[in-house]
Amino acid sequence: MNTTITIGDAILILIGICSIIILIYIIRVLRNTLPVLKTLQAILEDTQTVTKIVSDAAVNVEDTIASLSESSSEMADFIHDNKNSFKAIVSLLNAVIAIKKLLC
């Protein structure tokens, strides 16, 4: 029984063997890649959580700064409107300090 293998048949067999080897290689690569992808997903979820916390804190800081700015503006207006009263209080304090120095 003689079987002849043509060059075309040999090439097809070689292509089939190479296809099986490549398929096995791809399966192994995917099996090794899945844990990496799971770890990457966990890292991205942690990053998303931290980003949300920082974003909320930034909004709170922005509100606090706006409130502080408004309070500072109101305080400046109050001081400007009551300059004479503050001058009188400062003069009174200076007088008290001067009397204290005289007595000591």
Protein backbone atom coordinates (compact mmCIF):
# COMPACT_ATOMS: atom_id res chain seq x y z
CA MET A 1 0.00 0.00 0.00
CA ASN A 2 1.65 3.09 -1.21
CA THR A 3 0.43 6.48 -0.17
CA THR A 4 1.75 9.53 -1.78
CA ILE A 5 1.76 12.84 -0.06
CA THR A 6 1.89 15.81 -2.30
CA ILE A 7 3.54 19.06 -1.39
CA GLY A 8 0.11 20.66 -1.07
CA ASP A 9 -0.98 17.96 1.40
CA ALA A 10 2.23 18.40 3.41
CA ILE A 11 1.68 22.15 3.57
CA LEU A 12 -1.93 21.64 4.74
CA ILE A 13 -0.77 19.23 7.46
CA LEU A 14 1.91 21.70 8.53
CA ILE A 15 -0.64 24.54 8.63
CA GLY A 16 -2.97 22.35 10.73
CA ILE A 17 -0.20 21.50 13.21
CA CYS A 18 0.84 25.16 13.43
CA SER A 19 -2.80 26.16 13.97
CA ILE A 20 -3.12 23.71 16.88
CA ILE A 21 0.13 24.96 18.43
CA ILE A 22 -0.96 28.60 18.08
CA LEU A 23 -4.38 27.76 19.56
CA ILE A 24 -2.72 26.10 22.58
CA TYR A 25 -0.41 29.11 22.98
CA ILE A 26 -3.36 31.56 22.85
CA ILE A 27 -5.25 29.54 25.47
CA ARG A 28 -2.23 29.58 27.81
CA VAL A 29 -1.76 33.33 27.33
CA LEU A 30 -5.42 33.97 28.10
CA ARG A 31 -5.27 31.77 31.22
CA ASN A 32 -2.28 33.77 32.46
CA THR A 33 -3.92 37.08 31.57
CA LEU A 34 -7.18 36.55 33.48
CA PRO A 35 -5.69 37.03 36.99
CA VAL A 36 -3.95 40.18 35.79
CA LEU A 37 -7.25 41.53 34.47
CA LYS A 38 -9.02 40.72 37.75
CA THR A 39 -6.31 42.54 39.70
CA LEU A 40 -6.51 45.49 37.32
CA GLN A 41 -10.28 45.62 37.80
CA ALA A 42 -9.84 45.71 41.60
CA ILE A 43 -7.27 48.51 41.28
CA LEU A 44 -9.61 50.51 39.03
CA GLU A 45 -12.48 50.08 41.51
CA ASP A 46 -10.23 51.30 44.36
CA THR A 47 -9.15 54.25 42.23
CA GLN A 48 -12.78 55.09 41.49
CA THR A 49 -13.60 54.99 45.22
CA VAL A 50 -10.65 57.23 46.13
CA THR A 51 -11.49 59.63 43.31
CA LYS A 52 -15.09 59.90 44.54
CA ILE A 53 -13.90 60.60 48.10
CA VAL A 54 -11.49 63.28 46.90
CA SER A 55 -14.15 64.81 44.66
CA ASP A 56 -16.61 65.04 47.56
CA ALA A 57 -13.92 66.55 49.78
CA ALA A 58 -13.08 69.10 47.08
CA VAL A 59 -16.73 70.16 46.91
CA ASN A 60 -16.79 70.54 50.71
CA VAL A 61 -13.58 72.58 50.63
CA GLU A 62 -15.02 74.78 47.90
CA ASP A 63 -18.14 75.41 49.99
CA THR A 64 -16.03 76.17 53.06
CA ILE A 65 -13.84 78.63 51.15
CA ALA A 66 -16.90 80.37 49.73
CA SER A 67 -18.37 80.65 53.23
CA LEU A 68 -15.08 81.93 54.64
CA SER A 69 -14.79 84.48 51.86
CA GLU A 70 -18.31 85.71 52.52
CA SER A 71 -17.63 85.92 56.28
CA SER A 72 -14.38 87.81 55.68
CA SER A 73 -16.17 90.27 53.43
CA GLU A 74 -18.88 90.82 56.02
CA MET A 75 -16.25 91.25 58.76
CA ALA A 76 -14.35 93.79 56.65
CA ASP A 77 -17.57 95.72 56.01
CA PHE A 78 -18.39 95.64 59.74
CA ILE A 79 -14.93 96.92 60.69
CA HIS A 80 -15.08 99.61 58.00
CA ASP A 81 -18.51 100.76 59.21
CA ASN A 82 -17.41 100.81 62.87
CA LYS A 83 -13.94 102.35 62.53
CA ASN A 84 -14.58 104.96 65.18
CA SER A 85 -15.78 102.39 67.69
CA PHE A 86 -12.67 100.28 67.15
CA LYS A 87 -10.47 103.35 67.49
CA ALA A 88 -12.16 104.15 70.79
CA ILE A 89 -11.70 100.59 72.06
CA VAL A 90 -8.03 100.60 71.06
CA SER A 91 -7.50 103.97 72.74
CA LEU A 92 -9.22 102.68 75.88
CA LEU A 93 -7.01 99.59 75.91
CA ASN A 94 -3.90 101.73 75.42
CA ALA A 95 -4.98 103.94 78.33
CA VAL A 96 -5.54 100.91 80.56
CA ILE A 97 -2.09 99.59 79.64
CA ALA A 98 -0.52 102.98 80.34
CA ILE A 99 -2.22 103.17 83.78
CA LYS A 100 -1.08 99.65 84.55
CA LYS A 101 2.51 100.61 83.68
CA LEU A 102 2.28 103.63 85.93
CA LEU A 103 1.05 101.56 88.85
CA CYS A 104 3.68 98.85 88.48
